[in-house]
PDB file of N, CA and C in Angstrom:
ATOM      1  N   MET A   1     -22.600  -1.311 -16.909  1.00  0.00           N
ATOM      2  CA  MET A   1     -22.037  -0.220 -16.149  1.00  0.00           C
ATOM      3  C   MET A   1     -20.591  -0.572 -15.795  1.00  0.00           C
ATOM      4  N   ARG A   2     -19.690   0.344 -16.023  1.00  0.00           N
ATOM      5  CA  ARG A   2     -18.278   0.139 -15.742  1.00  0.00           C
ATOM      6  C   ARG A   2     -17.917   0.658 -14.364  1.00  0.00           C
ATOM      7  N   MET A   3     -17.191  -0.164 -13.596  1.00  0.00           N
ATOM      8  CA  MET A   3     -16.773   0.278 -12.264  1.00  0.00           C
ATOM      9  C   MET A   3     -15.502   1.098 -12.375  1.00  0.00           C
ATOM     10  N   THR A   4     -15.424   2.150 -11.614  1.00  0.00           N
ATOM     11  CA  THR A   4     -14.239   2.987 -11.582  1.00  0.00           C
ATOM     12  C   THR A   4     -13.234   2.396 -10.600  1.00  0.00           C
ATOM     13  N   GLN A   5     -11.980   2.308 -11.022  1.00  0.00           N
ATOM     14  CA  GLN A   5     -10.920   1.822 -10.141  1.00  0.00           C
ATOM     15  C   GLN A   5     -10.709   2.840  -9.032  1.00  0.00           C
ATOM     16  N   LYS A   6     -10.697   2.364  -7.799  1.00  0.00           N
ATOM     17  CA  LYS A   6     -10.420   3.258  -6.681  1.00  0.00           C
ATOM     18  C   LYS A   6      -8.924   3.492  -6.601  1.00  0.00           C
ATOM     19  N   LEU A   7      -8.555   4.742  -6.416  1.00  0.00           N
ATOM     20  CA  LEU A   7      -7.150   5.125  -6.307  1.00  0.00           C
ATOM     21  C   LEU A   7      -6.928   5.805  -4.968  1.00  0.00           C
ATOM     22  N   ALA A   8      -5.952   5.313  -4.227  1.00  0.00           N
ATOM     23  CA  ALA A   8      -5.578   5.928  -2.960  1.00  0.00           C
ATOM     24  C   ALA A   8      -4.158   6.453  -3.081  1.00  0.00           C
ATOM     25  N   VAL A   9      -3.977   7.708  -2.694  1.00  0.00           N
ATOM     26  CA  VAL A   9      -2.638   8.265  -2.556  1.00  0.00           C
ATOM     27  C   VAL A   9      -2.387   8.341  -1.058  1.00  0.00           C
ATOM     28  N   ILE A  10      -1.323   7.681  -0.626  1.00  0.00           N
ATOM     29  CA  ILE A  10      -1.001   7.639   0.791  1.00  0.00           C
ATOM     30  C   ILE A  10       0.250   8.462   1.028  1.00  0.00           C
ATOM     31  N   TYR A  11       0.079   9.562   1.760  1.00  0.00           N
ATOM     32  CA  TYR A  11       1.201  10.415   2.138  1.00  0.00           C
ATOM     33  C   TYR A  11       1.776   9.836   3.433  1.00  0.00           C
ATOM     34  N   HIS A  12       3.066   9.564   3.432  1.00  0.00           N
ATOM     35  CA  HIS A  12       3.668   8.871   4.567  1.00  0.00           C
ATOM     36  C   HIS A  12       5.052   9.428   4.875  1.00  0.00           C
ATOM     37  N   VAL A  13       5.607   8.942   5.984  1.00  0.00           N
ATOM     38  CA  VAL A  13       6.982   9.258   6.360  1.00  0.00           C
ATOM     39  C   VAL A  13       7.747   7.938   6.446  1.00  0.00           C
ATOM     40  N   THR A  14       9.054   8.006   6.324  1.00  0.00           N
ATOM     41  CA  THR A  14       9.904   6.825   6.372  1.00  0.00           C
ATOM     42  C   THR A  14       9.715   6.083   7.693  1.00  0.00           C
ATOM     43  N   GLY A  15       9.560   4.768   7.596  1.00  0.00           N
ATOM     44  CA  GLY A  15       9.469   3.931   8.786  1.00  0.00           C
ATOM     45  C   GLY A  15       8.122   3.908   9.467  1.00  0.00           C
ATOM     46  N   CYS A  16       7.107   4.471   8.876  1.00  0.00           N
ATOM     47  CA  CYS A  16       5.780   4.553   9.489  1.00  0.00           C
ATOM     48  C   CYS A  16       5.030   3.226   9.323  1.00  0.00           C
ATOM     49  N   LEU A  17       4.891   2.489  10.427  1.00  0.00           N
ATOM     50  CA  LEU A  17       4.205   1.199  10.390  1.00  0.00           C
ATOM     51  C   LEU A  17       2.733   1.356  10.034  1.00  0.00           C
ATOM     52  N   LYS A  18       2.065   2.351  10.603  1.00  0.00           N
ATOM     53  CA  LYS A  18       0.651   2.580  10.298  1.00  0.00           C
ATOM     54  C   LYS A  18       0.455   2.878   8.811  1.00  0.00           C
ATOM     55  N   CYS A  19       1.424   3.571   8.230  1.00  0.00           N
ATOM     56  CA  CYS A  19       1.357   3.885   6.799  1.00  0.00           C
ATOM     57  C   CYS A  19       1.454   2.606   5.976  1.00  0.00           C
ATOM     58  N   ARG A  20       2.387   1.728   6.328  1.00  0.00           N
ATOM     59  CA  ARG A  20       2.569   0.464   5.585  1.00  0.00           C
ATOM     60  C   ARG A  20       1.365  -0.449   5.756  1.00  0.00           C
ATOM     61  N   ILE A  21       0.819  -0.506   6.968  1.00  0.00           N
ATOM     62  CA  ILE A  21      -0.360  -1.343   7.203  1.00  0.00           C
ATOM     63  C   ILE A  21      -1.534  -0.850   6.365  1.00  0.00           C
ATOM     64  N   THR A  22      -1.767   0.453   6.378  1.00  0.00           N
ATOM     65  CA  THR A  22      -2.876   1.031   5.610  1.00  0.00           C
ATOM     66  C   THR A  22      -2.712   0.728   4.131  1.00  0.00           C
ATOM     67  N   ALA A  23      -1.517   0.935   3.594  1.00  0.00           N
ATOM     68  CA  ALA A  23      -1.263   0.676   2.169  1.00  0.00           C
ATOM     69  C   ALA A  23      -1.501  -0.792   1.834  1.00  0.00           C
ATOM     70  N   ARG A  24      -0.986  -1.686   2.671  1.00  0.00           N
ATOM     71  CA  ARG A  24      -1.115  -3.120   2.390  1.00  0.00           C
ATOM     72  C   ARG A  24      -2.568  -3.571   2.420  1.00  0.00           C
ATOM     73  N   ILE A  25      -3.324  -3.114   3.417  1.00  0.00           N
ATOM     74  CA  ILE A  25      -4.731  -3.509   3.496  1.00  0.00           C
ATOM     75  C   ILE A  25      -5.491  -2.997   2.281  1.00  0.00           C
ATOM     76  N   LEU A  26      -5.279  -1.745   1.901  1.00  0.00           N
ATOM     77  CA  LEU A  26      -5.977  -1.206   0.727  1.00  0.00           C
ATOM     78  C   LEU A  26      -5.603  -1.953  -0.544  1.00  0.00           C
ATOM     79  N   MET A  27      -4.305  -2.252  -0.726  1.00  0.00           N
ATOM     80  CA  MET A  27      -3.879  -3.002  -1.915  1.00  0.00           C
ATOM     81  C   MET A  27      -4.533  -4.380  -1.952  1.00  0.00           C
ATOM     82  N   ASN A  28      -4.578  -5.051  -0.805  1.00  0.00           N
ATOM     83  CA  ASN A  28      -5.165  -6.386  -0.760  1.00  0.00           C
ATOM     84  C   ASN A  28      -6.677  -6.370  -0.945  1.00  0.00           C
ATOM     85  N   CYS A  29      -7.281  -5.200  -0.842  1.00  0.00           N
ATOM     86  CA  CYS A  29      -8.716  -5.051  -1.096  1.00  0.00           C
ATOM     87  C   CYS A  29      -8.983  -4.547  -2.508  1.00  0.00           C
ATOM     88  N   GLY A  30      -7.961  -4.525  -3.346  1.00  0.00           N
ATOM     89  CA  GLY A  30      -8.146  -4.155  -4.745  1.00  0.00           C
ATOM     90  C   GLY A  30      -8.063  -2.677  -5.048  1.00  0.00           C
ATOM     91  N   VAL A  31      -7.593  -1.883  -4.101  1.00  0.00           N
ATOM     92  CA  VAL A  31      -7.457  -0.446  -4.316  1.00  0.00           C
ATOM     93  C   VAL A  31      -6.073  -0.188  -4.907  1.00  0.00           C
ATOM     94  N   GLN A  32      -6.020   0.607  -5.965  1.00  0.00           N
ATOM     95  CA  GLN A  32      -4.734   0.998  -6.543  1.00  0.00           C
ATOM     96  C   GLN A  32      -4.109   2.029  -5.602  1.00  0.00           C
ATOM     97  N   VAL A  33      -2.873   1.765  -5.155  1.00  0.00           N
ATOM     98  CA  VAL A  33      -2.234   2.610  -4.149  1.00  0.00           C
ATOM     99  C   VAL A  33      -0.979   3.258  -4.718  1.00  0.00           C
ATOM    100  N   GLU A  34      -0.883   4.559  -4.512  1.00  0.00           N
ATOM    101  CA  GLU A  34       0.335   5.311  -4.824  1.00  0.00           C
ATOM    102  C   GLU A  34       0.828   5.879  -3.496  1.00  0.00           C
ATOM    103  N   THR A  35       2.112   5.695  -3.199  1.00  0.00           N
ATOM    104  CA  THR A  35       2.644   6.236  -1.951  1.00  0.00           C
ATOM    105  C   THR A  35       3.545   7.428  -2.244  1.00  0.00           C
ATOM    106  N   VAL A  36       3.457   8.425  -1.385  1.00  0.00           N
ATOM    107  CA  VAL A  36       4.264   9.634  -1.516  1.00  0.00           C
ATOM    108  C   VAL A  36       4.950   9.884  -0.180  1.00  0.00           C
ATOM    109  N   ASN A  37       6.274   9.741  -0.158  1.00  0.00           N
ATOM    110  CA  ASN A  37       7.039  10.025   1.055  1.00  0.00           C
ATOM    111  C   ASN A  37       7.195  11.534   1.152  1.00  0.00           C
ATOM    112  N   ILE A  38       6.539  12.140   2.123  1.00  0.00           N
ATOM    113  CA  ILE A  38       6.537  13.602   2.214  1.00  0.00           C
ATOM    114  C   ILE A  38       7.895  14.159   2.618  1.00  0.00           C
ATOM    115  N   GLU A  39       8.797  13.303   3.081  1.00  0.00           N
ATOM    116  CA  GLU A  39      10.150  13.762   3.392  1.00  0.00           C
ATOM    117  C   GLU A  39      10.881  14.171   2.113  1.00  0.00           C
ATOM    118  N   ASN A  40      10.451  13.626   0.985  1.00  0.00           N
ATOM    119  CA  ASN A  40      11.035  13.969  -0.315  1.00  0.00           C
ATOM    120  C   ASN A  40      10.244  15.053  -1.032  1.00  0.00           C
ATOM    121  N   HIS A  41       9.153  15.508  -0.427  1.00  0.00           N
ATOM    122  CA  HIS A  41       8.269  16.502  -1.047  1.00  0.00           C
ATOM    123  C   HIS A  41       7.889  17.558  -0.011  1.00  0.00           C
ATOM    124  N   PRO A  42       8.813  18.452   0.350  1.00  0.00           N
ATOM    125  CA  PRO A  42       8.531  19.442   1.402  1.00  0.00           C
ATOM    126  C   PRO A  42       7.343  20.345   1.084  1.00  0.00           C
ATOM    127  N   GLU A  43       7.100  20.601  -0.191  1.00  0.00           N
ATOM    128  CA  GLU A  43       5.953  21.454  -0.550  1.00  0.00           C
ATOM    129  C   GLU A  43       4.640  20.743  -0.211  1.00  0.00           C
ATOM    130  N   THR A  44       4.604  19.437  -0.393  1.00  0.00           N
ATOM    131  CA  THR A  44       3.410  18.662  -0.047  1.00  0.00           C
ATOM    132  C   THR A  44       3.216  18.643   1.468  1.00  0.00           C
ATOM    133  N   LEU A  45       4.305  18.483   2.205  1.00  0.00           N
ATOM    134  CA  LEU A  45       4.237  18.510   3.667  1.00  0.00           C
ATOM    135  C   LEU A  45       3.657  19.838   4.136  1.00  0.00           C
ATOM    136  N   GLN A  46       4.115  20.945   3.553  1.00  0.00           N
ATOM    137  CA  GLN A  46       3.596  22.270   3.928  1.00  0.00           C
ATOM    138  C   GLN A  46       2.103  22.374   3.668  1.00  0.00           C
ATOM    139  N   LYS A  47       1.650  21.869   2.512  1.00  0.00           N
ATOM    140  CA  LYS A  47       0.219  21.915   2.182  1.00  0.00           C
ATOM    141  C   LYS A  47      -0.600  21.107   3.179  1.00  0.00           C
ATOM    142  N   LEU A  48      -0.101  19.917   3.517  1.00  0.00           N
ATOM    143  CA  LEU A  48      -0.821  19.079   4.481  1.00  0.00           C
ATOM    144  C   LEU A  48      -0.879  19.740   5.850  1.00  0.00           C
ATOM    145  N   LYS A  49       0.216  20.371   6.266  1.00  0.00           N
ATOM    146  CA  LYS A  49       0.227  21.089   7.547  1.00  0.00           C
ATOM    147  C   LYS A  49      -0.767  22.242   7.536  1.00  0.00           C
ATOM    148  N   GLN A  50      -0.816  22.977   6.414  1.00  0.00           N
ATOM    149  CA  GLN A  50      -1.757  24.089   6.305  1.00  0.00           C
ATOM    150  C   GLN A  50      -3.204  23.607   6.378  1.00  0.00           C
ATOM    151  N   MET A  51      -3.435  22.356   5.949  1.00  0.00           N
ATOM    152  CA  MET A  51      -4.777  21.776   6.005  1.00  0.00           C
ATOM    153  C   MET A  51      -5.079  21.201   7.388  1.00  0.00           C
ATOM    154  N   GLY A  52      -4.087  21.225   8.292  1.00  0.00           N
ATOM    155  CA  GLY A  52      -4.311  20.781   9.659  1.00  0.00           C
ATOM    156  C   GLY A  52      -3.850  19.370   9.974  1.00  0.00           C
ATOM    157  N   TYR A  53      -3.239  18.693   9.017  1.00  0.00           N
ATOM    158  CA  TYR A  53      -2.785  17.324   9.260  1.00  0.00           C
ATOM    159  C   TYR A  53      -1.435  17.339   9.951  1.00  0.00           C
ATOM    160  N   ARG A  54      -1.343  16.556  11.043  1.00  0.00           N
ATOM    161  CA  ARG A  54      -0.108  16.500  11.830  1.00  0.00           C
ATOM    162  C   ARG A  54       0.380  15.070  12.036  1.00  0.00           C
ATOM    163  N   SER A  55      -0.422  14.082  11.606  1.00  0.00           N
ATOM    164  CA  SER A  55      -0.015  12.688  11.756  1.00  0.00           C
ATOM    165  C   SER A  55      -0.195  11.962  10.422  1.00  0.00           C
ATOM    166  N   PHE A  56       0.479  10.846  10.305  1.00  0.00           N
ATOM    167  CA  PHE A  56       0.469  10.104   9.052  1.00  0.00           C
ATOM    168  C   PHE A  56       0.077   8.658   9.315  1.00  0.00           C
ATOM    169  N   PRO A  57      -0.484   8.018   8.303  1.00  0.00           N
ATOM    170  CA  PRO A  57      -0.633   8.452   6.929  1.00  0.00           C
ATOM    171  C   PRO A  57      -1.803   9.421   6.748  1.00  0.00           C
ATOM    172  N   VAL A  58      -1.752  10.164   5.659  1.00  0.00           N
ATOM    173  CA  VAL A  58      -2.888  10.939   5.182  1.00  0.00           C
ATOM    174  C   VAL A  58      -3.303  10.259   3.885  1.00  0.00           C
ATOM    175  N   ILE A  59      -4.576   9.899   3.773  1.00  0.00           N
ATOM    176  CA  ILE A  59      -5.051   9.132   2.633  1.00  0.00           C
ATOM    177  C   ILE A  59      -5.992   9.984   1.796  1.00  0.00           C
ATOM    178  N   LYS A  60      -5.660  10.049   0.519  1.00  0.00           N
ATOM    179  CA  LYS A  60      -6.500  10.775  -0.445  1.00  0.00           C
ATOM    180  C   LYS A  60      -7.096   9.727  -1.383  1.00  0.00           C
ATOM    181  N   MET A  61      -8.406   9.629  -1.398  1.00  0.00           N
ATOM    182  CA  MET A  61      -9.100   8.681  -2.276  1.00  0.00           C
ATOM    183  C   MET A  61      -9.719   9.435  -3.437  1.00  0.00           C
ATOM    184  N   ASN A  62      -9.358   9.040  -4.640  1.00  0.00           N
ATOM    185  CA  ASN A  62      -9.928   9.641  -5.844  1.00  0.00           C
ATOM    186  C   ASN A  62      -9.959  11.169  -5.760  1.00  0.00           C
ATOM    187  N   ASP A  63      -8.805  11.763  -5.443  1.00  0.00           N
ATOM    188  CA  ASP A  63      -8.595  13.208  -5.412  1.00  0.00           C
ATOM    189  C   ASP A  63      -9.261  13.949  -4.254  1.00  0.00           C
ATOM    190  N   SER A  64      -9.678  13.231  -3.212  1.00  0.00           N
ATOM    191  CA  SER A  64     -10.292  13.883  -2.068  1.00  0.00           C
ATOM    192  C   SER A  64      -9.716  13.278  -0.792  1.00  0.00           C
ATOM    193  N   ILE A  65      -9.105  14.104   0.057  1.00  0.00           N
ATOM    194  CA  ILE A  65      -8.551  13.583   1.307  1.00  0.00           C
ATOM    195  C   ILE A  65      -9.714  13.181   2.206  1.00  0.00           C
ATOM    196  N   ILE A  66      -9.686  11.931   2.652  1.00  0.00           N
ATOM    197  CA  ILE A  66     -10.818  11.480   3.447  1.00  0.00           C
ATOM    198  C   ILE A  66     -10.456  11.080   4.866  1.00  0.00           C
ATOM    199  N   TRP A  67      -9.186  10.772   5.143  1.00  0.00           N
ATOM    200  CA  TRP A  67      -8.834  10.477   6.523  1.00  0.00           C
ATOM    201  C   TRP A  67      -7.327  10.513   6.720  1.00  0.00           C
ATOM    202  N   HIS A  68      -6.945  10.484   7.986  1.00  0.00           N
ATOM    203  CA  HIS A  68      -5.522  10.388   8.326  1.00  0.00           C
ATOM    204  C   HIS A  68      -5.375   9.434   9.497  1.00  0.00           C
ATOM    205  N   GLY A  69      -4.195   8.877   9.642  1.00  0.00           N
ATOM    206  CA  GLY A  69      -3.946   7.898  10.691  1.00  0.00           C
ATOM    207  C   GLY A  69      -4.443   6.519  10.292  1.00  0.00           C
ATOM    208  N   LEU A  70      -4.276   5.565  11.178  1.00  0.00           N
ATOM    209  CA  LEU A  70      -4.744   4.199  10.941  1.00  0.00           C
ATOM    210  C   LEU A  70      -6.192   4.139  11.402  1.00  0.00           C
ATOM    211  N   SER A  71      -7.122   4.275  10.466  1.00  0.00           N
ATOM    212  CA  SER A  71      -8.541   4.432  10.796  1.00  0.00           C
ATOM    213  C   SER A  71      -9.328   3.158  10.527  1.00  0.00           C
ATOM    214  N   LEU A  72      -9.705   2.485  11.597  1.00  0.00           N
ATOM    215  CA  LEU A  72     -10.523   1.285  11.470  1.00  0.00           C
ATOM    216  C   LEU A  72     -11.831   1.597  10.754  1.00  0.00           C
ATOM    217  N   LYS A  73     -12.449   2.692  11.121  1.00  0.00           N
ATOM    218  CA  LYS A  73     -13.734   3.083  10.521  1.00  0.00           C
ATOM    219  C   LYS A  73     -13.632   3.161   8.997  1.00  0.00           C
ATOM    220  N   HIS A  74     -12.576   3.770   8.487  1.00  0.00           N
ATOM    221  CA  HIS A  74     -12.430   3.923   7.047  1.00  0.00           C
ATOM    222  C   HIS A  74     -11.962   2.635   6.366  1.00  0.00           C
ATOM    223  N   LEU A  75     -11.052   1.908   6.998  1.00  0.00           N
ATOM    224  CA  LEU A  75     -10.561   0.671   6.389  1.00  0.00           C
ATOM    225  C   LEU A  75     -11.663  -0.378   6.260  1.00  0.00           C
ATOM    226  N   LEU A  76     -12.598  -0.394   7.206  1.00  0.00           N
ATOM    227  CA  LEU A  76     -13.685  -1.374   7.149  1.00  0.00           C
ATOM    228  C   LEU A  76     -14.538  -1.221   5.900  1.00  0.00           C
ATOM    229  N   THR A  77     -14.619  -0.023   5.338  1.00  0.00           N
ATOM    230  CA  THR A  77     -15.448   0.178   4.151  1.00  0.00           C
ATOM    231  C   THR A  77     -14.882  -0.558   2.936  1.00  0.00           C
ATOM    232  N   PHE A  78     -13.612  -0.959   2.985  1.00  0.00           N
ATOM    233  CA  PHE A  78     -12.982  -1.640   1.857  1.00  0.00           C
ATOM    234  C   PHE A  78     -12.926  -3.154   2.032  1.00  0.00           C
ATOM    235  N   LEU A  79     -13.185  -3.638   3.240  1.00  0.00           N
ATOM    236  CA  LEU A  79     -13.003  -5.061   3.523  1.00  0.00           C
ATOM    237  C   LEU A  79     -14.281  -5.841   3.284  1.00  0.00           C
ATOM    238  N   PRO A  80     -14.164  -6.999   2.640  1.00  0.00           N
ATOM    239  CA  PRO A  80     -15.346  -7.826   2.346  1.00  0.00           C
ATOM    240  C   PRO A  80     -15.697  -8.738   3.524  1.00  0.00           C
ATOM    241  N   ILE A  81     -15.986  -8.127   4.677  1.00  0.00           N
ATOM    242  CA  ILE A  81     -16.294  -8.926   5.861  1.00  0.00           C
ATOM    243  C   ILE A  81     -17.510  -8.362   6.566  1.00  0.00           C
ATOM    244  N   ASP A  82     -18.108  -9.194   7.365  1.00  0.00           N
ATOM    245  CA  ASP A  82     -19.294  -8.819   8.119  1.00  0.00           C
ATOM    246  C   ASP A  82     -18.882  -8.045   9.369  1.00  0.00           C
ATOM    247  N   ILE A  83     -19.517  -6.920   9.621  1.00  0.00           N
ATOM    248  CA  ILE A  83     -19.183  -6.074  10.763  1.00  0.00           C
ATOM    249  C   ILE A  83     -19.382  -6.814  12.086  1.00  0.00           C
ATOM    250  N   LYS A  84     -20.289  -7.808  12.126  1.00  0.00           N
ATOM    251  CA  LYS A  84     -20.497  -8.584  13.354  1.00  0.00           C
ATOM    252  C   LYS A  84     -19.230  -9.335  13.743  1.00  0.00           C
ATOM    253  N   ILE A  85     -18.499  -9.817  12.761  1.00  0.00           N
ATOM    254  CA  ILE A  85     -17.244 -10.518  13.039  1.00  0.00           C
ATOM    255  C   ILE A  85     -16.261  -9.558  13.697  1.00  0.00           C
ATOM    256  N   ILE A  86     -16.194  -8.347  13.178  1.00  0.00           N
ATOM    257  CA  ILE A  86     -15.282  -7.346  13.733  1.00  0.00           C
ATOM    258  C   ILE A  86     -15.667  -7.030  15.171  1.00  0.00           C
ATOM    259  N   LYS A  87     -16.964  -6.853  15.427  1.00  0.00           N
ATOM    260  CA  LYS A  87     -17.393  -6.547  16.792  1.00  0.00           C
ATOM    261  C   LYS A  87     -17.044  -7.686  17.735  1.00  0.00           C
ATOM    262  N   ALA A  88     -17.205  -8.914  17.285  1.00  0.00           N
ATOM    263  CA  ALA A  88     -16.859 -10.068  18.125  1.00  0.00           C
ATOM    264  C   ALA A  88     -15.356 -10.084  18.378  1.00  0.00           C
ATOM    265  N   ARG A  89     -14.566  -9.885  17.353  1.00  0.00           N
ATOM    266  CA  ARG A  89     -13.113  -9.874  17.501  1.00  0.00           C
ATOM    267  C   ARG A  89     -12.670  -8.710  18.366  1.00  0.00           C
ATOM    268  N   ARG A  90     -13.344  -7.596  18.227  1.00  0.00           N
ATOM    269  CA  ARG A  90     -12.964  -6.420  19.017  1.00  0.00           C
ATOM    270  C   ARG A  90     -13.086  -6.725  20.503  1.00  0.00           C
ATOM    271  N   SER A  91     -14.153  -7.453  20.879  1.00  0.00           N
ATOM    272  CA  SER A  91     -14.296  -7.789  22.293  1.00  0.00           C
ATOM    273  C   SER A  91     -13.229  -8.795  22.718  1.00  0.00           C
ATOM    274  N   ASP A  92     -12.794  -9.653  21.817  1.00  0.00           N
ATOM    275  CA  ASP A  92     -11.726 -10.607  22.125  1.00  0.00           C
ATOM    276  C   ASP A  92     -10.392  -9.916  22.362  1.00  0.00           C
ATOM    277  N   TYR A  93     -10.133  -8.857  21.624  1.00  0.00           N
ATOM    278  CA  TYR A  93      -8.832  -8.204  21.656  1.00  0.00           C
ATOM    279  C   TYR A  93      -8.830  -6.871  22.386  1.00  0.00           C
ATOM    280  N   GLY A  94      -9.912  -6.535  23.026  1.00  0.00           N
ATOM    281  CA  GLY A  94      -9.993  -5.251  23.710  1.00  0.00           C
ATOM    282  C   GLY A  94     -10.596  -4.223  22.782  1.00  0.00           C
ATOM    283  N   ASN A  95     -10.885  -3.067  23.301  1.00  0.00           N
ATOM    284  CA  ASN A  95     -11.564  -2.044  22.511  1.00  0.00           C
ATOM    285  C   ASN A  95     -10.627  -1.094  21.795  1.00  0.00           C
ATOM    286  N   SER A  96      -9.352  -1.373  21.820  1.00  0.00           N
ATOM    287  CA  SER A  96      -8.388  -0.488  21.188  1.00  0.00           C
ATOM    288  C   SER A  96      -8.405  -0.646  19.670  1.00  0.00           C
ATOM    289  N   ASN A  97      -8.450   0.479  18.951  1.00  0.00           N
ATOM    290  CA  ASN A  97      -8.357   0.427  17.493  1.00  0.00           C
ATOM    291  C   ASN A  97      -7.053  -0.205  17.052  1.00  0.00           C
ATOM    292  N   SER A  98      -5.971   0.021  17.802  1.00  0.00           N
ATOM    293  CA  SER A  98      -4.681  -0.560  17.443  1.00  0.00           C
ATOM    294  C   SER A  98      -4.749  -2.075  17.480  1.00  0.00           C
ATOM    295  N   ASN A  99      -5.410  -2.633  18.495  1.00  0.00           N
ATOM    296  CA  ASN A  99      -5.525  -4.086  18.593  1.00  0.00           C
ATOM    297  C   ASN A  99      -6.314  -4.660  17.432  1.00  0.00           C
ATOM    298  N   ILE A 100      -7.464  -4.077  17.132  1.00  0.00           N
ATOM    299  CA  ILE A 100      -8.293  -4.624  16.063  1.00  0.00           C
ATOM    300  C   ILE A 100      -7.653  -4.370  14.704  1.00  0.00           C
ATOM    301  N   CYS A 101      -6.983  -3.255  14.515  1.00  0.00           N
ATOM    302  CA  CYS A 101      -6.294  -3.014  13.253  1.00  0.00           C
ATOM    303  C   CYS A 101      -5.155  -4.012  13.075  1.00  0.00           C
ATOM    304  N   GLY A 102      -4.498  -4.371  14.169  1.00  0.00           N
ATOM    305  CA  GLY A 102      -3.469  -5.393  14.105  1.00  0.00           C
ATOM    306  C   GLY A 102      -4.049  -6.727  13.667  1.00  0.00           C
ATOM    307  N   TRP A 103      -5.207  -7.073  14.194  1.00  0.00           N
ATOM    308  CA  TRP A 103      -5.875  -8.312  13.797  1.00  0.00           C
ATOM    309  C   TRP A 103      -6.263  -8.259  12.324  1.00  0.00           C
ATOM    310  N   LEU A 104      -6.833  -7.133  11.888  1.00  0.00           N
ATOM    311  CA  LEU A 104      -7.206  -6.987  10.478  1.00  0.00           C
ATOM    312  C   LEU A 104      -5.990  -7.111   9.575  1.00  0.00           C
ATOM    313  N   PHE A 105      -4.870  -6.532  10.011  1.00  0.00           N
ATOM    314  CA  PHE A 105      -3.670  -6.610   9.193  1.00  0.00           C
ATOM    315  C   PHE A 105      -3.210  -8.057   9.055  1.00  0.00           C
ATOM    316  N   LEU A 106      -3.256  -8.813  10.138  1.00  0.00           N
ATOM    317  CA  LEU A 106      -2.852 -10.220  10.062  1.00  0.00           C
ATOM    318  C   LEU A 106      -3.741 -10.990   9.108  1.00  0.00           C
ATOM    319  N   VAL A 107      -5.042 -10.689   9.123  1.00  0.00           N
ATOM    320  CA  VAL A 107      -5.971 -11.415   8.281  1.00  0.00           C
ATOM    321  C   VAL A 107      -5.913 -10.932   6.833  1.00  0.00           C
ATOM    322  N   TYR A 108      -5.874  -9.613   6.606  1.00  0.00           N
ATOM    323  CA  TYR A 108      -5.986  -9.062   5.260  1.00  0.00           C
ATOM    324  C   TYR A 108      -4.703  -8.445   4.715  1.00  0.00           C
ATOM    325  N   GLY A 109      -3.752  -8.174   5.580  1.00  0.00           N
ATOM    326  CA  GLY A 109      -2.573  -7.447   5.130  1.00  0.00           C
ATOM    327  C   GLY A 109      -1.367  -8.293   4.796  1.00  0.00           C
ATOM    328  N   GLY A 110      -1.239  -9.428   5.404  1.00  0.00           N
ATOM    329  CA  GLY A 110      -0.078 -10.270   5.157  1.00  0.00           C
ATOM    330  C   GLY A 110       1.155  -9.728   5.827  1.00  0.00           C
ATOM    331  N   ALA A 111       2.280 -10.241   5.447  1.00  0.00           N
ATOM    332  CA  ALA A 111       3.550  -9.818   6.048  1.00  0.00           C
ATOM    333  C   ALA A 111       3.905  -8.419   5.582  1.00  0.00           C
ATOM    334  N   ILE A 112       4.580  -7.710   6.453  1.00  0.00           N
ATOM    335  CA  ILE A 112       4.988  -6.335   6.115  1.00  0.00           C
ATOM    336  C   ILE A 112       6.208  -6.397   5.225  1.00  0.00           C
TER     337      ILE A 112
END
């Protein structure tokens, strides 16, 4: 059985740290990443707005938009780690998704 390469298209804006973190984590997990700066594609921005998206990044996996923003819930599905470790770390760093995503980025994302 042949595995299909996962492809993520990340719609982002210039200078978006959450966008860069999301892209880096996905790339380091073996996901093929294409980035699209919506500032250079106003028609794409309009489509995303019509779909209700107001924050970035917006991530489309294999031709289906599945989430927007820096989503711990979605990023965890790509990481080869035990969820118990994340829960333990989450209590160490507080319950904020930003804190735990920062920890995940340090472990799996590398330097920006």
